[in-house]
């Protein structure tokens, strides 16, 4: 596995943890930061969009899994309204250890799959791809689409929950721990 794969994955993990861990206001930059980072990297790795065989199905399935995992991260995030912040208050979130473990497991699984596909089960994976009419490019793209979908879903749900908290100011006050 190339060093760039490690660096990019660890950088994204760091950006995500910096953006979300602890008590944080929900603003446009916080919602967009992981998306901006993803959008900056994808053109470097997305070289082609294979459509033969089952390539499109694999890429779509991976994006769907990314959406599910990105939405599921909010099981570990509480969102509320803090009336003491700013002139009119602001939406805030709190994410802790469970959130960090959730994302660490996702990134570890992604890196583990890439490592094992090159070193441990490369031959088996090649046979699987051939038997199911999948290309290696589609497999690589599926990891990219999953990452993009993870970020989009995480950001969309965070933005939606922030808007809901602002709309229900009194009902969603986040308690101090």
C-alpha atoms as a PDB file:
ATOM      1  CA  UNK A   1       0.000   0.000   0.000  1.00  0.00           C
ATOM      2  CA  UNK A   2       1.404   3.353  -0.970  1.00  0.00           C
ATOM      3  CA  UNK A   3       2.284   5.982   1.576  1.00  0.00           C
ATOM      4  CA  UNK A   4      -0.147   8.402  -0.055  1.00  0.00           C
ATOM      5  CA  UNK A   5      -3.082   6.114   0.800  1.00  0.00           C
ATOM      6  CA  UNK A   6      -2.048   6.155   4.456  1.00  0.00           C
ATOM      7  CA  UNK A   7      -1.477   9.899   4.483  1.00  0.00           C
ATOM      8  CA  UNK A   8      -4.801  10.713   2.826  1.00  0.00           C
ATOM      9  CA  UNK A   9      -6.825   8.404   5.067  1.00  0.00           C
ATOM     10  CA  UNK A  10      -5.132   9.606   8.239  1.00  0.00           C
ATOM     11  CA  UNK A  11      -5.496  13.241   7.152  1.00  0.00           C
ATOM     12  CA  UNK A  12      -9.220  12.748   6.540  1.00  0.00           C
ATOM     13  CA  UNK A  13      -9.591  11.035   9.889  1.00  0.00           C
ATOM     14  CA  UNK A  14      -7.798  13.961  11.543  1.00  0.00           C
ATOM     15  CA  UNK A  15      -9.965  16.541   9.766  1.00  0.00           C
ATOM     16  CA  UNK A  16     -13.100  14.689  10.803  1.00  0.00           C
ATOM     17  CA  UNK A  17     -12.019  14.346  14.427  1.00  0.00           C
ATOM     18  CA  UNK A  18     -10.971  17.995  14.644  1.00  0.00           C
ATOM     19  CA  UNK A  19     -14.285  19.086  13.149  1.00  0.00           C
ATOM     20  CA  UNK A  20     -16.558  16.952  15.307  1.00  0.00           C
ATOM     21  CA  UNK A  21     -15.042  15.820  18.607  1.00  0.00           C
ATOM     22  CA  UNK A  22     -16.154  17.668  21.691  1.00  0.00           C
ATOM     23  CA  UNK A  23     -18.737  20.427  21.787  1.00  0.00           C
ATOM     24  CA  UNK A  24     -18.790  22.303  18.476  1.00  0.00           C
ATOM     25  CA  UNK A  25     -21.013  24.881  16.823  1.00  0.00           C
ATOM     26  CA  UNK A  26     -22.741  23.751  13.675  1.00  0.00           C
ATOM     27  CA  UNK A  27     -21.870  26.207  10.929  1.00  0.00           C
ATOM     28  CA  UNK A  28     -21.392  26.100   7.192  1.00  0.00           C
ATOM     29  CA  UNK A  29     -17.612  25.613   7.384  1.00  0.00           C
ATOM     30  CA  UNK A  30     -17.907  22.748   9.833  1.00  0.00           C
ATOM     31  CA  UNK A  31     -20.431  21.022   7.608  1.00  0.00           C
ATOM     32  CA  UNK A  32     -18.427  21.659   4.428  1.00  0.00           C
ATOM     33  CA  UNK A  33     -14.848  21.012   5.618  1.00  0.00           C
ATOM     34  CA  UNK A  34     -14.801  17.214   5.075  1.00  0.00           C
ATOM     35  CA  UNK A  35     -16.590  17.686   1.749  1.00  0.00           C
ATOM     36  CA  UNK A  36     -14.026  20.216   0.582  1.00  0.00           C
ATOM     37  CA  UNK A  37     -11.187  17.877   1.544  1.00  0.00           C
ATOM     38  CA  UNK A  38     -12.840  14.957  -0.251  1.00  0.00           C
ATOM     39  CA  UNK A  39     -13.578  17.012  -3.356  1.00  0.00           C
ATOM     40  CA  UNK A  40      -9.945  18.117  -3.485  1.00  0.00           C
ATOM     41  CA  UNK A  41      -8.616  14.554  -3.402  1.00  0.00           C
ATOM     42  CA  UNK A  42     -11.093  12.653  -5.588  1.00  0.00           C
ATOM     43  CA  UNK A  43      -9.884  14.143  -8.905  1.00  0.00           C
ATOM     44  CA  UNK A  44      -6.398  12.833  -8.110  1.00  0.00           C
ATOM     45  CA  UNK A  45      -7.614   9.243  -7.873  1.00  0.00           C
ATOM     46  CA  UNK A  46     -10.727   9.082 -10.073  1.00  0.00           C
ATOM     47  CA  UNK A  47      -9.093   8.378 -13.426  1.00  0.00           C
ATOM     48  CA  UNK A  48     -11.951   6.601 -15.216  1.00  0.00           C
ATOM     49  CA  UNK A  49     -15.540   5.550 -14.685  1.00  0.00           C
ATOM     50  CA  UNK A  50     -15.857   1.946 -15.866  1.00  0.00           C
ATOM     51  CA  UNK A  51     -19.343   0.901 -16.916  1.00  0.00           C
ATOM     52  CA  UNK A  52     -18.816  -2.617 -18.276  1.00  0.00           C
ATOM     53  CA  UNK A  53     -20.093  -5.754 -16.580  1.00  0.00           C
ATOM     54  CA  UNK A  54     -21.154  -5.121 -13.000  1.00  0.00           C
ATOM     55  CA  UNK A  55     -18.875  -2.125 -12.448  1.00  0.00           C
ATOM     56  CA  UNK A  56     -21.679   0.422 -12.094  1.00  0.00           C
ATOM     57  CA  UNK A  57     -23.536  -1.795  -9.630  1.00  0.00           C
ATOM     58  CA  UNK A  58     -20.430  -2.145  -7.442  1.00  0.00           C
ATOM     59  CA  UNK A  59     -19.796   1.601  -7.469  1.00  0.00           C
ATOM     60  CA  UNK A  60     -23.455   2.372  -6.665  1.00  0.00           C
ATOM     61  CA  UNK A  61     -23.548  -0.231  -3.892  1.00  0.00           C
ATOM     62  CA  UNK A  62     -20.418   1.260  -2.325  1.00  0.00           C
ATOM     63  CA  UNK A  63     -21.924   4.739  -2.454  1.00  0.00           C
ATOM     64  CA  UNK A  64     -25.061   3.384  -0.784  1.00  0.00           C
ATOM     65  CA  UNK A  65     -23.019   1.783   1.975  1.00  0.00           C
ATOM     66  CA  UNK A  66     -21.233   5.110   2.416  1.00  0.00           C
ATOM     67  CA  UNK A  67     -24.557   6.906   2.847  1.00  0.00           C
ATOM     68  CA  UNK A  68     -25.697   4.392   5.468  1.00  0.00           C
ATOM     69  CA  UNK A  69     -22.429   4.598   7.411  1.00  0.00           C
ATOM     70  CA  UNK A  70     -22.346   8.394   7.161  1.00  0.00           C
ATOM     71  CA  UNK A  71     -25.866   8.634   8.558  1.00  0.00           C
ATOM     72  CA  UNK A  72     -25.166   6.054  11.259  1.00  0.00           C
ATOM     73  CA  UNK A  73     -22.343   8.140  12.728  1.00  0.00           C
ATOM     74  CA  UNK A  74     -25.039  10.424  14.131  1.00  0.00           C
ATOM     75  CA  UNK A  75     -26.001   7.716  16.597  1.00  0.00           C
ATOM     76  CA  UNK A  76     -22.923   8.960  18.478  1.00  0.00           C
ATOM     77  CA  UNK A  77     -23.625  12.700  18.178  1.00  0.00           C
ATOM     78  CA  UNK A  78     -26.006  14.792  20.258  1.00  0.00           C
ATOM     79  CA  UNK A  79     -27.290  18.021  18.743  1.00  0.00           C
ATOM     80  CA  UNK A  80     -28.923  20.878  20.586  1.00  0.00           C
ATOM     81  CA  UNK A  81     -29.357  24.608  20.781  1.00  0.00           C
ATOM     82  CA  UNK A  82     -27.202  26.854  22.958  1.00  0.00           C
ATOM     83  CA  UNK A  83     -29.051  30.133  23.563  1.00  0.00           C
ATOM     84  CA  UNK A  84     -26.017  31.707  25.259  1.00  0.00           C
ATOM     85  CA  UNK A  85     -23.879  31.719  22.107  1.00  0.00           C
ATOM     86  CA  UNK A  86     -24.047  34.654  19.726  1.00  0.00           C
ATOM     87  CA  UNK A  87     -26.853  37.193  19.485  1.00  0.00           C
ATOM     88  CA  UNK A  88     -29.592  34.657  18.833  1.00  0.00           C
ATOM     89  CA  UNK A  89     -27.920  31.468  19.992  1.00  0.00           C
ATOM     90  CA  UNK A  90     -26.582  28.669  17.823  1.00  0.00           C
ATOM     91  CA  UNK A  91     -26.897  25.010  17.096  1.00  0.00           C
ATOM     92  CA  UNK A  92     -24.193  22.901  18.696  1.00  0.00           C
ATOM     93  CA  UNK A  93     -23.224  19.257  18.710  1.00  0.00           C
ATOM     94  CA  UNK A  94     -21.275  17.019  21.010  1.00  0.00           C
ATOM     95  CA  UNK A  95     -19.387  13.915  19.942  1.00  0.00           C
ATOM     96  CA  UNK A  96     -17.164  11.857  22.170  1.00  0.00           C
ATOM     97  CA  UNK A  97     -15.286   8.602  22.466  1.00  0.00           C
ATOM     98  CA  UNK A  98     -17.930   6.445  20.763  1.00  0.00           C
ATOM     99  CA  UNK A  99     -17.883   8.722  17.723  1.00  0.00           C
ATOM    100  CA  UNK A 100     -14.088   8.528  17.510  1.00  0.00           C
ATOM    101  CA  UNK A 101     -14.150   4.729  17.805  1.00  0.00           C
ATOM    102  CA  UNK A 102     -16.854   4.481  15.124  1.00  0.00           C
ATOM    103  CA  UNK A 103     -14.803   6.466  12.602  1.00  0.00           C
ATOM    104  CA  UNK A 104     -11.550   4.770  13.599  1.00  0.00           C
ATOM    105  CA  UNK A 105     -13.172   1.397  12.860  1.00  0.00           C
ATOM    106  CA  UNK A 106     -14.355   2.591   9.440  1.00  0.00           C
ATOM    107  CA  UNK A 107     -10.955   3.985   8.474  1.00  0.00           C
ATOM    108  CA  UNK A 108      -9.180   0.889   9.843  1.00  0.00           C
ATOM    109  CA  UNK A 109     -11.485  -1.374   7.826  1.00  0.00           C
ATOM    110  CA  UNK A 110     -10.840   0.637   4.659  1.00  0.00           C
ATOM    111  CA  UNK A 111      -7.070   0.597   5.147  1.00  0.00           C
ATOM    112  CA  UNK A 112      -7.167  -3.073   6.120  1.00  0.00           C
ATOM    113  CA  UNK A 113      -9.090  -3.961   2.974  1.00  0.00           C
ATOM    114  CA  UNK A 114      -6.653  -2.057   0.757  1.00  0.00           C
ATOM    115  CA  UNK A 115      -3.664  -3.663   2.475  1.00  0.00           C
ATOM    116  CA  UNK A 116      -5.106  -7.190   2.337  1.00  0.00           C
ATOM    117  CA  UNK A 117      -6.263  -6.829  -1.263  1.00  0.00           C
ATOM    118  CA  UNK A 118      -2.667  -6.141  -2.248  1.00  0.00           C
ATOM    119  CA  UNK A 119      -0.826  -8.509   0.079  1.00  0.00           C
ATOM    120  CA  UNK A 120      -3.059 -11.202   1.550  1.00  0.00           C
ATOM    121  CA  UNK A 121      -5.845 -12.101  -0.862  1.00  0.00           C
ATOM    122  CA  UNK A 122      -4.714 -10.485  -4.123  1.00  0.00           C
ATOM    123  CA  UNK A 123      -5.110 -13.684  -6.166  1.00  0.00           C
ATOM    124  CA  UNK A 124      -8.510 -14.510  -4.671  1.00  0.00           C
ATOM    125  CA  UNK A 125      -9.678 -10.974  -5.244  1.00  0.00           C
ATOM    126  CA  UNK A 126      -8.549 -11.145  -8.867  1.00  0.00           C
ATOM    127  CA  UNK A 127     -10.542 -14.330  -9.378  1.00  0.00           C
ATOM    128  CA  UNK A 128     -13.568 -12.767  -7.675  1.00  0.00           C
ATOM    129  CA  UNK A 129     -13.392  -9.665  -9.871  1.00  0.00           C
ATOM    130  CA  UNK A 130     -13.120 -11.754 -13.035  1.00  0.00           C
ATOM    131  CA  UNK A 131     -15.908 -14.139 -12.034  1.00  0.00           C
ATOM    132  CA  UNK A 132     -18.282 -11.251 -11.274  1.00  0.00           C
ATOM    133  CA  UNK A 133     -17.318  -9.106 -14.275  1.00  0.00           C
ATOM    134  CA  UNK A 134     -15.762  -6.354 -12.189  1.00  0.00           C
ATOM    135  CA  UNK A 135     -12.716  -4.279 -12.991  1.00  0.00           C
ATOM    136  CA  UNK A 136      -9.972  -3.236 -10.597  1.00  0.00           C
ATOM    137  CA  UNK A 137     -10.701   0.378 -11.508  1.00  0.00           C
ATOM    138  CA  UNK A 138     -14.320  -0.049 -10.423  1.00  0.00           C
ATOM    139  CA  UNK A 139     -13.138  -1.495  -7.121  1.00  0.00           C
ATOM    140  CA  UNK A 140     -10.839   1.482  -6.549  1.00  0.00           C
ATOM    141  CA  UNK A 141     -13.631   3.874  -7.537  1.00  0.00           C
ATOM    142  CA  UNK A 142     -16.014   2.159  -5.170  1.00  0.00           C
ATOM    143  CA  UNK A 143     -13.742   3.065  -2.260  1.00  0.00           C
ATOM    144  CA  UNK A 144     -13.680   6.678  -3.465  1.00  0.00           C
ATOM    145  CA  UNK A 145     -17.452   6.823  -3.903  1.00  0.00           C
ATOM    146  CA  UNK A 146     -17.935   5.295  -0.477  1.00  0.00           C
ATOM    147  CA  UNK A 147     -15.711   7.979   1.064  1.00  0.00           C
ATOM    148  CA  UNK A 148     -17.546  10.741  -0.774  1.00  0.00           C
ATOM    149  CA  UNK A 149     -20.938   9.349   0.244  1.00  0.00           C
ATOM    150  CA  UNK A 150     -19.774   9.025   3.868  1.00  0.00           C
ATOM    151  CA  UNK A 151     -18.841  12.699   3.903  1.00  0.00           C
ATOM    152  CA  UNK A 152     -21.984  13.849   2.115  1.00  0.00           C
ATOM    153  CA  UNK A 153     -24.289  11.882   4.398  1.00  0.00           C
ATOM    154  CA  UNK A 154     -22.475  12.968   7.561  1.00  0.00           C
ATOM    155  CA  UNK A 155     -22.632  16.607   6.489  1.00  0.00           C
ATOM    156  CA  UNK A 156     -26.237  16.497   5.281  1.00  0.00           C
ATOM    157  CA  UNK A 157     -27.506  14.924   8.492  1.00  0.00           C
ATOM    158  CA  UNK A 158     -25.426  17.322  10.623  1.00  0.00           C
ATOM    159  CA  UNK A 159     -26.794  20.313   8.716  1.00  0.00           C
ATOM    160  CA  UNK A 160     -30.349  19.012   8.985  1.00  0.00           C
ATOM    161  CA  UNK A 161     -30.057  18.356  12.688  1.00  0.00           C
ATOM    162  CA  UNK A 162     -28.534  21.801  13.195  1.00  0.00           C
ATOM    163  CA  UNK A 163     -31.409  23.465  11.354  1.00  0.00           C
ATOM    164  CA  UNK A 164     -33.922  21.443  13.371  1.00  0.00           C
ATOM    165  CA  UNK A 165     -32.212  22.462  16.629  1.00  0.00           C
ATOM    166  CA  UNK A 166     -32.383  26.147  15.664  1.00  0.00           C
ATOM    167  CA  UNK A 167     -36.042  25.733  14.738  1.00  0.00           C
ATOM    168  CA  UNK A 168     -36.875  24.124  18.099  1.00  0.00           C
ATOM    169  CA  UNK A 169     -34.710  26.362  20.241  1.00  0.00           C
ATOM    170  CA  UNK A 170     -36.069  25.453  23.668  1.00  0.00           C
ATOM    171  CA  UNK A 171     -36.736  21.780  23.050  1.00  0.00           C
ATOM    172  CA  UNK A 172     -33.219  20.835  21.974  1.00  0.00           C
ATOM    173  CA  UNK A 173     -30.973  22.513  24.525  1.00  0.00           C
ATOM    174  CA  UNK A 174     -27.794  20.522  24.937  1.00  0.00           C
ATOM    175  CA  UNK A 175     -27.048  19.885  28.589  1.00  0.00           C
ATOM    176  CA  UNK A 176     -23.603  20.570  29.949  1.00  0.00           C
ATOM    177  CA  UNK A 177     -21.699  17.484  30.991  1.00  0.00           C
END
